[in-house]
PDB file of all heavy atoms in Angstrom:
ATOM      1  N   ALA A   1       0.833  -1.190   0.018  1.00  0.00           N
ATOM      2  CA  ALA A   1       0.000   0.033   0.013  1.00  0.00           C
ATOM      3  C   ALA A   1       0.855   1.276  -0.007  1.00  0.00           C
ATOM      4  O   ALA A   1       1.848   1.330   0.731  1.00  0.00           O
ATOM      5  CB  ALA A   1      -0.926  -0.003   1.221  1.00  0.00           C
ATOM      6  N   PRO A   2       0.539   2.181  -0.835  1.00  0.00           N
ATOM      7  CA  PRO A   2       1.343   3.449  -0.838  1.00  0.00           C
ATOM      8  C   PRO A   2       1.316   4.159   0.500  1.00  0.00           C
ATOM      9  O   PRO A   2       0.279   4.132   1.192  1.00  0.00           O
ATOM     10  CB  PRO A   2       0.639   4.357  -1.903  1.00  0.00           C
ATOM     11  CG  PRO A   2      -0.373   3.485  -2.639  1.00  0.00           C
ATOM     12  CD  PRO A   2      -0.592   2.271  -1.721  1.00  0.00           C
ATOM     13  N   PHE A   3       2.399   4.707   0.877  1.00  0.00           N
ATOM     14  CA  PHE A   3       2.492   5.407   2.150  1.00  0.00           C
ATOM     15  C   PHE A   3       3.736   6.395   2.090  1.00  0.00           C
ATOM     16  O   PHE A   3       4.822   5.994   1.616  1.00  0.00           O
ATOM     17  CB  PHE A   3       2.764   4.409   3.310  1.00  0.00           C
ATOM     18  CG  PHE A   3       2.824   5.084   4.656  1.00  0.00           C
ATOM     19  CD1 PHE A   3       1.745   5.583   5.284  1.00  0.00           C
ATOM     20  CD2 PHE A   3       4.056   5.205   5.282  1.00  0.00           C
ATOM     21  CE1 PHE A   3       1.770   6.205   6.482  1.00  0.00           C
ATOM     22  CE2 PHE A   3       4.144   5.830   6.540  1.00  0.00           C
ATOM     23  CZ  PHE A   3       2.980   6.331   7.109  1.00  0.00           C
ATOM     24  N   SER A   4       3.485   7.557   2.571  1.00  0.00           N
ATOM     25  CA  SER A   4       4.600   8.521   2.667  1.00  0.00           C
ATOM     26  C   SER A   4       4.738   8.911   4.130  1.00  0.00           C
ATOM     27  O   SER A   4       3.886   9.517   4.736  1.00  0.00           O
ATOM     28  CB  SER A   4       4.191   9.746   1.815  1.00  0.00           C
ATOM     29  OG  SER A   4       5.286  10.685   1.836  1.00  0.00           O
ATOM     30  N   ALA A   5       5.836   8.509   4.708  1.00  0.00           N
ATOM     31  CA  ALA A   5       6.116   8.763   6.120  1.00  0.00           C
ATOM     32  C   ALA A   5       6.266  10.223   6.437  1.00  0.00           C
ATOM     33  O   ALA A   5       6.861  10.938   5.588  1.00  0.00           O
ATOM     34  CB  ALA A   5       7.334   7.954   6.569  1.00  0.00           C
ATOM     35  N   ASP A   6       5.854  10.628   7.530  1.00  0.00           N
ATOM     36  CA  ASP A   6       6.071  12.002   8.042  1.00  0.00           C
ATOM     37  C   ASP A   6       7.541  11.977   8.609  1.00  0.00           C
ATOM     38  O   ASP A   6       7.826  11.396   9.590  1.00  0.00           O
ATOM     39  CB  ASP A   6       5.087  12.279   9.172  1.00  0.00           C
ATOM     40  CG  ASP A   6       5.265  13.572   9.919  1.00  0.00           C
ATOM     41  OD1 ASP A   6       6.383  14.121   9.826  1.00  0.00           O
ATOM     42  OD2 ASP A   6       4.320  13.990  10.576  1.00  0.00           O
ATOM     43  N   PRO A   7       8.414  12.715   7.899  1.00  0.00           N
ATOM     44  CA  PRO A   7       9.851  12.605   8.310  1.00  0.00           C
ATOM     45  C   PRO A   7      10.150  13.151   9.646  1.00  0.00           C
ATOM     46  O   PRO A   7      11.025  12.630  10.381  1.00  0.00           O
ATOM     47  CB  PRO A   7      10.558  13.427   7.143  1.00  0.00           C
ATOM     48  CG  PRO A   7       9.542  14.181   6.503  1.00  0.00           C
ATOM     49  CD  PRO A   7       8.228  13.533   6.689  1.00  0.00           C
ATOM     50  N   ASP A   8       9.392  14.183  10.128  1.00  0.00           N
ATOM     51  CA  ASP A   8       9.637  14.680  11.471  1.00  0.00           C
ATOM     52  C   ASP A   8       9.186  13.731  12.517  1.00  0.00           C
ATOM     53  O   ASP A   8       9.883  13.534  13.504  1.00  0.00           O
ATOM     54  CB  ASP A   8       8.954  16.087  11.661  1.00  0.00           C
ATOM     55  CG  ASP A   8       9.476  17.188  10.781  1.00  0.00           C
ATOM     56  OD1 ASP A   8      10.659  17.050  10.447  1.00  0.00           O
ATOM     57  OD2 ASP A   8       8.771  18.107  10.453  1.00  0.00           O
ATOM     58  N   LEU A   9       8.016  13.119  12.341  1.00  0.00           N
ATOM     59  CA  LEU A   9       7.546  12.104  13.275  1.00  0.00           C
ATOM     60  C   LEU A   9       8.436  10.909  13.273  1.00  0.00           C
ATOM     61  O   LEU A   9       8.776  10.355  14.292  1.00  0.00           O
ATOM     62  CB  LEU A   9       6.101  11.722  12.967  1.00  0.00           C
ATOM     63  CG  LEU A   9       5.443  10.693  13.857  1.00  0.00           C
ATOM     64  CD1 LEU A   9       5.536  11.107  15.367  1.00  0.00           C
ATOM     65  CD2 LEU A   9       4.030  10.461  13.436  1.00  0.00           C
ATOM     66  N   ALA A  10       8.889  10.445  12.094  1.00  0.00           N
ATOM     67  CA  ALA A  10       9.798   9.329  11.945  1.00  0.00           C
ATOM     68  C   ALA A  10      11.106   9.646  12.713  1.00  0.00           C
ATOM     69  O   ALA A  10      11.553   8.849  13.508  1.00  0.00           O
ATOM     70  CB  ALA A  10      10.117   9.052  10.548  1.00  0.00           C
ATOM     71  N   ALA A  11      11.658  10.815  12.515  1.00  0.00           N
ATOM     72  CA  ALA A  11      12.910  11.219  13.178  1.00  0.00           C
ATOM     73  C   ALA A  11      12.771  11.218  14.715  1.00  0.00           C
ATOM     74  O   ALA A  11      13.584  10.687  15.453  1.00  0.00           O
ATOM     75  CB  ALA A  11      13.426  12.578  12.717  1.00  0.00           C
ATOM     76  N   PHE A  12      11.618  11.750  15.208  1.00  0.00           N
ATOM     77  CA  PHE A  12      11.353  11.808  16.604  1.00  0.00           C
ATOM     78  C   PHE A  12      11.198  10.401  17.167  1.00  0.00           C
ATOM     79  O   PHE A  12      11.840  10.019  18.206  1.00  0.00           O
ATOM     80  CB  PHE A  12      10.092  12.555  16.869  1.00  0.00           C
ATOM     81  CG  PHE A  12       9.645  12.609  18.320  1.00  0.00           C
ATOM     82  CD1 PHE A  12      10.317  13.473  19.208  1.00  0.00           C
ATOM     83  CD2 PHE A  12       8.610  11.811  18.808  1.00  0.00           C
ATOM     84  CE1 PHE A  12       9.933  13.533  20.545  1.00  0.00           C
ATOM     85  CE2 PHE A  12       8.246  11.862  20.119  1.00  0.00           C
ATOM     86  CZ  PHE A  12       8.904  12.715  21.024  1.00  0.00           C
ATOM     87  N   GLY A  13      10.464   9.533  16.505  1.00  0.00           N
ATOM     88  CA  GLY A  13      10.311   8.163  16.946  1.00  0.00           C
ATOM     89  C   GLY A  13      11.674   7.358  16.957  1.00  0.00           C
ATOM     90  O   GLY A  13      11.905   6.630  17.859  1.00  0.00           O
ATOM     91  N   VAL A  14      12.451   7.587  15.967  1.00  0.00           N
ATOM     92  CA  VAL A  14      13.744   6.871  15.889  1.00  0.00           C
ATOM     93  C   VAL A  14      14.651   7.367  16.962  1.00  0.00           C
ATOM     94  O   VAL A  14      15.337   6.618  17.641  1.00  0.00           O
ATOM     95  CB  VAL A  14      14.422   7.033  14.516  1.00  0.00           C
ATOM     96  CG1 VAL A  14      15.864   6.569  14.502  1.00  0.00           C
ATOM     97  CG2 VAL A  14      13.622   6.314  13.415  1.00  0.00           C
ATOM     98  N   ARG A  15      14.671   8.729  17.285  1.00  0.00           N
ATOM     99  CA  ARG A  15      15.454   9.200  18.358  1.00  0.00           C
ATOM    100  C   ARG A  15      15.073   8.632  19.710  1.00  0.00           C
ATOM    101  O   ARG A  15      15.883   8.242  20.513  1.00  0.00           O
ATOM    102  CB  ARG A  15      15.348  10.711  18.479  1.00  0.00           C
ATOM    103  CG  ARG A  15      16.160  11.480  17.518  1.00  0.00           C
ATOM    104  CD  ARG A  15      16.128  13.016  17.813  1.00  0.00           C
ATOM    105  NE  ARG A  15      16.921  13.669  16.795  1.00  0.00           N
ATOM    106  CZ  ARG A  15      16.396  14.276  15.650  1.00  0.00           C
ATOM    107  NH1 ARG A  15      15.079  14.200  15.481  1.00  0.00           N
ATOM    108  NH2 ARG A  15      17.158  14.861  14.831  1.00  0.00           N
ATOM    109  N   ALA A  16      13.743   8.491  19.879  1.00  0.00           N
ATOM    110  CA  ALA A  16      13.208   7.817  21.125  1.00  0.00           C
ATOM    111  C   ALA A  16      13.722   6.331  21.222  1.00  0.00           C
ATOM    112  O   ALA A  16      14.222   5.976  22.255  1.00  0.00           O
ATOM    113  CB  ALA A  16      11.706   7.953  21.169  1.00  0.00           C
ATOM    114  N   ALA A  17      13.499   5.620  20.164  1.00  0.00           N
ATOM    115  CA  ALA A  17      13.880   4.214  20.195  1.00  0.00           C
ATOM    116  C   ALA A  17      15.409   4.060  20.365  1.00  0.00           C
ATOM    117  O   ALA A  17      15.847   3.151  21.093  1.00  0.00           O
ATOM    118  CB  ALA A  17      13.443   3.489  18.876  1.00  0.00           C
ATOM    119  N   ARG A  18      16.202   4.936  19.740  1.00  0.00           N
ATOM    120  CA  ARG A  18      17.620   4.863  19.827  1.00  0.00           C
ATOM    121  C   ARG A  18      18.051   5.179  21.284  1.00  0.00           C
ATOM    122  O   ARG A  18      18.979   4.570  21.782  1.00  0.00           O
ATOM    123  CB  ARG A  18      18.242   5.890  18.907  1.00  0.00           C
ATOM    124  CG  ARG A  18      19.734   5.924  18.922  1.00  0.00           C
ATOM    125  CD  ARG A  18      20.301   6.913  17.890  1.00  0.00           C
ATOM    126  NE  ARG A  18      19.980   8.207  18.270  1.00  0.00           N
ATOM    127  CZ  ARG A  18      20.393   9.309  17.502  1.00  0.00           C
ATOM    128  NH1 ARG A  18      21.097   9.122  16.418  1.00  0.00           N
ATOM    129  NH2 ARG A  18      20.102  10.536  17.899  1.00  0.00           N
ATOM    130  N   ALA A  19      17.381   6.050  21.964  1.00  0.00           N
ATOM    131  CA  ALA A  19      17.733   6.403  23.336  1.00  0.00           C
ATOM    132  C   ALA A  19      17.280   5.310  24.357  1.00  0.00           C
ATOM    133  O   ALA A  19      17.904   5.088  25.392  1.00  0.00           O
ATOM    134  CB  ALA A  19      17.115   7.720  23.757  1.00  0.00           C
ATOM    135  N   VAL A  20      16.218   4.591  24.062  1.00  0.00           N
ATOM    136  CA  VAL A  20      15.619   3.617  24.927  1.00  0.00           C
ATOM    137  C   VAL A  20      16.533   2.386  25.073  1.00  0.00           C
ATOM    138  O   VAL A  20      16.798   1.887  26.114  1.00  0.00           O
ATOM    139  CB  VAL A  20      14.192   3.241  24.511  1.00  0.00           C
ATOM    140  CG1 VAL A  20      13.654   2.069  25.332  1.00  0.00           C
ATOM    141  CG2 VAL A  20      13.314   4.436  24.668  1.00  0.00           C
ATOM    142  N   LYS A  21      16.938   1.862  23.981  1.00  0.00           N
ATOM    143  CA  LYS A  21      17.911   0.676  23.899  1.00  0.00           C
ATOM    144  C   LYS A  21      17.320  -0.653  24.230  1.00  0.00           C
ATOM    145  O   LYS A  21      16.247  -0.758  24.874  1.00  0.00           O
ATOM    146  CB  LYS A  21      19.175   0.911  24.816  1.00  0.00           C
ATOM    147  CG  LYS A  21      19.886   2.199  24.531  1.00  0.00           C
ATOM    148  CD  LYS A  21      20.727   2.001  23.288  1.00  0.00           C
ATOM    149  CE  LYS A  21      21.617   3.138  23.051  1.00  0.00           C
ATOM    150  NZ  LYS A  21      22.044   3.374  21.744  1.00  0.00           N
ATOM    151  N   SER A  22      17.960  -1.645  23.834  1.00  0.00           N
ATOM    152  CA  SER A  22      17.756  -3.060  24.161  1.00  0.00           C
ATOM    153  C   SER A  22      16.365  -3.562  23.824  1.00  0.00           C
ATOM    154  O   SER A  22      15.492  -3.573  24.717  1.00  0.00           O
ATOM    155  CB  SER A  22      18.113  -3.310  25.635  1.00  0.00           C
ATOM    156  OG  SER A  22      18.070  -4.682  25.962  1.00  0.00           O
ATOM    157  N   ASN A  23      16.182  -4.025  22.642  1.00  0.00           N
ATOM    158  CA  ASN A  23      14.879  -4.544  22.155  1.00  0.00           C
ATOM    159  C   ASN A  23      13.832  -3.435  22.285  1.00  0.00           C
ATOM    160  O   ASN A  23      12.687  -3.703  22.708  1.00  0.00           O
ATOM    161  CB  ASN A  23      14.410  -5.768  22.891  1.00  0.00           C
ATOM    162  CG  ASN A  23      15.172  -7.026  22.429  1.00  0.00           C
ATOM    163  OD1 ASN A  23      15.503  -7.099  21.249  1.00  0.00           O
ATOM    164  ND2 ASN A  23      15.445  -7.947  23.364  1.00  0.00           N
ATOM    165  N   ALA A  24      14.211  -2.208  21.908  1.00  0.00           N
ATOM    166  CA  ALA A  24      13.358  -1.068  22.115  1.00  0.00           C
ATOM    167  C   ALA A  24      12.195  -0.983  21.061  1.00  0.00           C
ATOM    168  O   ALA A  24      12.426  -1.191  19.894  1.00  0.00           O
ATOM    169  CB  ALA A  24      14.134   0.211  22.047  1.00  0.00           C
ATOM    170  N   ILE A  25      11.032  -0.670  21.577  1.00  0.00           N
ATOM    171  CA  ILE A  25       9.910  -0.264  20.754  1.00  0.00           C
ATOM    172  C   ILE A  25       9.448   1.058  21.333  1.00  0.00           C
ATOM    173  O   ILE A  25       9.149   1.187  22.497  1.00  0.00           O
ATOM    174  CB  ILE A  25       8.755  -1.259  20.779  1.00  0.00           C
ATOM    175  CG1 ILE A  25       9.162  -2.664  20.278  1.00  0.00           C
ATOM    176  CG2 ILE A  25       7.543  -0.713  20.038  1.00  0.00           C
ATOM    177  CD1 ILE A  25       9.406  -2.715  18.793  1.00  0.00           C
ATOM    178  N   ALA A  26       9.370   2.054  20.476  1.00  0.00           N
ATOM    179  CA  ALA A  26       8.847   3.386  20.860  1.00  0.00           C
ATOM    180  C   ALA A  26       7.623   3.670  20.027  1.00  0.00           C
ATOM    181  O   ALA A  26       7.606   3.344  18.808  1.00  0.00           O
ATOM    182  CB  ALA A  26       9.859   4.474  20.650  1.00  0.00           C
ATOM    183  N   ILE A  27       6.611   4.257  20.646  1.00  0.00           N
ATOM    184  CA  ILE A  27       5.374   4.613  19.928  1.00  0.00           C
ATOM    185  C   ILE A  27       5.201   6.159  20.102  1.00  0.00           C
ATOM    186  O   ILE A  27       5.173   6.654  21.180  1.00  0.00           O
ATOM    187  CB  ILE A  27       4.151   3.850  20.449  1.00  0.00           C
ATOM    188  CG1 ILE A  27       4.355   2.377  20.272  1.00  0.00           C
ATOM    189  CG2 ILE A  27       2.881   4.329  19.739  1.00  0.00           C
ATOM    190  CD1 ILE A  27       3.304   1.478  20.849  1.00  0.00           C
ATOM    191  N   ALA A  28       5.169   6.794  18.963  1.00  0.00           N
ATOM    192  CA  ALA A  28       5.097   8.257  18.941  1.00  0.00           C
ATOM    193  C   ALA A  28       3.995   8.684  17.997  1.00  0.00           C
ATOM    194  O   ALA A  28       3.616   8.057  17.079  1.00  0.00           O
ATOM    195  CB  ALA A  28       6.462   8.869  18.529  1.00  0.00           C
ATOM    196  N   ARG A  29       3.550   9.961  18.276  1.00  0.00           N
ATOM    197  CA  ARG A  29       2.508  10.531  17.396  1.00  0.00           C
ATOM    198  C   ARG A  29       2.719  12.046  17.279  1.00  0.00           C
ATOM    199  O   ARG A  29       3.481  12.658  18.053  1.00  0.00           O
ATOM    200  CB  ARG A  29       1.159  10.299  17.960  1.00  0.00           C
ATOM    201  CG  ARG A  29       0.809  11.158  19.177  1.00  0.00           C
ATOM    202  CD  ARG A  29      -0.656  11.080  19.512  1.00  0.00           C
ATOM    203  NE  ARG A  29      -0.946  11.916  20.735  1.00  0.00           N
ATOM    204  CZ  ARG A  29      -2.134  12.336  21.041  1.00  0.00           C
ATOM    205  NH1 ARG A  29      -3.194  12.033  20.263  1.00  0.00           N
ATOM    206  NH2 ARG A  29      -2.365  13.010  22.104  1.00  0.00           N
ATOM    207  N   ARG A  30       2.067  12.591  16.323  1.00  0.00           N
ATOM    208  CA  ARG A  30       1.986  14.029  16.149  1.00  0.00           C
ATOM    209  C   ARG A  30       0.788  14.396  17.025  1.00  0.00           C
ATOM    210  O   ARG A  30      -0.307  14.005  16.756  1.00  0.00           O
ATOM    211  CB  ARG A  30       1.779  14.432  14.698  1.00  0.00           C
ATOM    212  CG  ARG A  30       1.859  15.905  14.468  1.00  0.00           C
ATOM    213  CD  ARG A  30       1.987  16.313  13.064  1.00  0.00           C
ATOM    214  NE  ARG A  30       3.289  15.989  12.459  1.00  0.00           N
ATOM    215  CZ  ARG A  30       4.399  16.705  12.624  1.00  0.00           C
ATOM    216  NH1 ARG A  30       4.382  17.760  13.445  1.00  0.00           N
ATOM    217  NH2 ARG A  30       5.529  16.394  12.048  1.00  0.00           N
ATOM    218  N   ALA A  31       1.031  15.237  18.074  1.00  0.00           N
ATOM    219  CA  ALA A  31       0.031  15.538  19.046  1.00  0.00           C
ATOM    220  C   ALA A  31      -0.971  16.582  18.373  1.00  0.00           C
ATOM    221  O   ALA A  31      -0.677  17.181  17.357  1.00  0.00           O
ATOM    222  CB  ALA A  31       0.641  16.204  20.244  1.00  0.00           C
ATOM    223  N   PRO A  32      -2.200  16.632  18.880  1.00  0.00           N
ATOM    224  CA  PRO A  32      -3.270  17.500  18.291  1.00  0.00           C
ATOM    225  C   PRO A  32      -2.794  18.947  18.018  1.00  0.00           C
ATOM    226  O   PRO A  32      -3.246  19.538  17.065  1.00  0.00           O
ATOM    227  CB  PRO A  32      -4.371  17.444  19.336  1.00  0.00           C
ATOM    228  CG  PRO A  32      -4.184  16.119  20.059  1.00  0.00           C
ATOM    229  CD  PRO A  32      -2.700  15.958  20.104  1.00  0.00           C
ATOM    230  N   ARG A  33      -1.934  19.501  18.811  1.00  0.00           N
ATOM    231  CA  ARG A  33      -1.526  20.839  18.573  1.00  0.00           C
ATOM    232  C   ARG A  33      -0.218  20.988  17.727  1.00  0.00           C
ATOM    233  O   ARG A  33       0.386  22.044  17.702  1.00  0.00           O
ATOM    234  CB  ARG A  33      -1.360  21.585  19.889  1.00  0.00           C
ATOM    235  CG  ARG A  33      -2.707  21.704  20.583  1.00  0.00           C
ATOM    236  CD  ARG A  33      -2.691  22.545  21.819  1.00  0.00           C
ATOM    237  NE  ARG A  33      -4.009  22.575  22.396  1.00  0.00           N
ATOM    238  CZ  ARG A  33      -4.289  22.768  23.686  1.00  0.00           C
ATOM    239  NH1 ARG A  33      -3.301  22.973  24.545  1.00  0.00           N
ATOM    240  NH2 ARG A  33      -5.465  22.789  24.090  1.00  0.00           N
ATOM    241  N   GLY A  34       0.138  19.860  17.164  1.00  0.00           N
ATOM    242  CA  GLY A  34       1.305  19.903  16.292  1.00  0.00           C
ATOM    243  C   GLY A  34       2.592  19.422  16.795  1.00  0.00           C
ATOM    244  O   GLY A  34       3.540  19.147  16.057  1.00  0.00           O
ATOM    245  N   GLY A  35       2.732  19.275  18.113  1.00  0.00           N
ATOM    246  CA  GLY A  35       3.979  18.865  18.705  1.00  0.00           C
ATOM    247  C   GLY A  35       4.128  17.337  18.521  1.00  0.00           C
ATOM    248  O   GLY A  35       3.259  16.681  17.979  1.00  0.00           O
ATOM    249  N   LEU A  36       5.224  16.829  18.852  1.00  0.00           N
ATOM    250  CA  LEU A  36       5.506  15.418  18.786  1.00  0.00           C
ATOM    251  C   LEU A  36       5.483  14.848  20.244  1.00  0.00           C
ATOM    252  O   LEU A  36       5.977  15.448  21.133  1.00  0.00           O
ATOM    253  CB  LEU A  36       6.846  15.166  18.130  1.00  0.00           C
ATOM    254  CG  LEU A  36       6.913  15.747  16.736  1.00  0.00           C
ATOM    255  CD1 LEU A  36       8.348  15.685  16.165  1.00  0.00           C
ATOM    256  CD2 LEU A  36       5.990  15.017  15.788  1.00  0.00           C
ATOM    257  N   GLN A  37       4.880  13.612  20.353  1.00  0.00           N
ATOM    258  CA  GLN A  37       4.754  13.033  21.657  1.00  0.00           C
ATOM    259  C   GLN A  37       5.106  11.573  21.702  1.00  0.00           C
ATOM    260  O   GLN A  37       4.693  10.794  20.850  1.00  0.00           O
ATOM    261  CB  GLN A  37       3.258  13.218  22.048  1.00  0.00           C
ATOM    262  CG  GLN A  37       2.934  12.586  23.405  1.00  0.00           C
ATOM    263  CD  GLN A  37       1.388  12.678  23.752  1.00  0.00           C
ATOM    264  OE1 GLN A  37       0.583  12.994  22.829  1.00  0.00           O
ATOM    265  NE2 GLN A  37       1.067  12.603  24.973  1.00  0.00           N
ATOM    266  N   LEU A  38       5.888  11.178  22.642  1.00  0.00           N
ATOM    267  CA  LEU A  38       6.162   9.828  22.932  1.00  0.00           C
ATOM    268  C   LEU A  38       5.027   9.230  23.742  1.00  0.00           C
ATOM    269  O   LEU A  38       4.766   9.656  24.867  1.00  0.00           O
ATOM    270  CB  LEU A  38       7.482   9.636  23.722  1.00  0.00           C
ATOM    271  CG  LEU A  38       7.883   8.165  24.053  1.00  0.00           C
ATOM    272  CD1 LEU A  38       8.088   7.336  22.760  1.00  0.00           C
ATOM    273  CD2 LEU A  38       9.107   8.204  24.959  1.00  0.00           C
ATOM    274  N   LEU A  39       4.270   8.274  23.188  1.00  0.00           N
ATOM    275  CA  LEU A  39       3.140   7.714  23.867  1.00  0.00           C
ATOM    276  C   LEU A  39       3.495   6.539  24.765  1.00  0.00           C
ATOM    277  O   LEU A  39       2.877   6.397  25.804  1.00  0.00           O
ATOM    278  CB  LEU A  39       2.137   7.222  22.806  1.00  0.00           C
ATOM    279  CG  LEU A  39       1.490   8.274  21.903  1.00  0.00           C
ATOM    280  CD1 LEU A  39       0.683   7.613  20.810  1.00  0.00           C
ATOM    281  CD2 LEU A  39       0.650   9.204  22.760  1.00  0.00           C
ATOM    282  N   GLY A  40       4.464   5.792  24.376  1.00  0.00           N
ATOM    283  CA  GLY A  40       4.825   4.633  25.154  1.00  0.00           C
ATOM    284  C   GLY A  40       6.107   4.035  24.652  1.00  0.00           C
ATOM    285  O   GLY A  40       6.455   4.249  23.502  1.00  0.00           O
ATOM    286  N   MET A  41       6.740   3.204  25.446  1.00  0.00           N
ATOM    287  CA  MET A  41       8.019   2.602  25.066  1.00  0.00           C
ATOM    288  C   MET A  41       8.096   1.265  25.874  1.00  0.00           C
ATOM    289  O   MET A  41       7.566   1.126  26.939  1.00  0.00           O
ATOM    290  CB  MET A  41       9.138   3.453  25.299  1.00  0.00           C
ATOM    291  CG  MET A  41       9.411   3.778  26.733  1.00  0.00           C
ATOM    292  SD  MET A  41      10.819   4.910  26.963  1.00  0.00           S
ATOM    293  CE  MET A  41      10.927   4.866  28.717  1.00  0.00           C
TER     294      MET A  41
END
């Protein structure tokens, strides 16, 4: 399926996963007011 990733959200999510370490899964979103939010890890 076609998909174009949001590069800012992707970068934020990758930064979070990179910082968490060791079998890391980070879940991030673009918050309603436009900011970026780590929802869970």
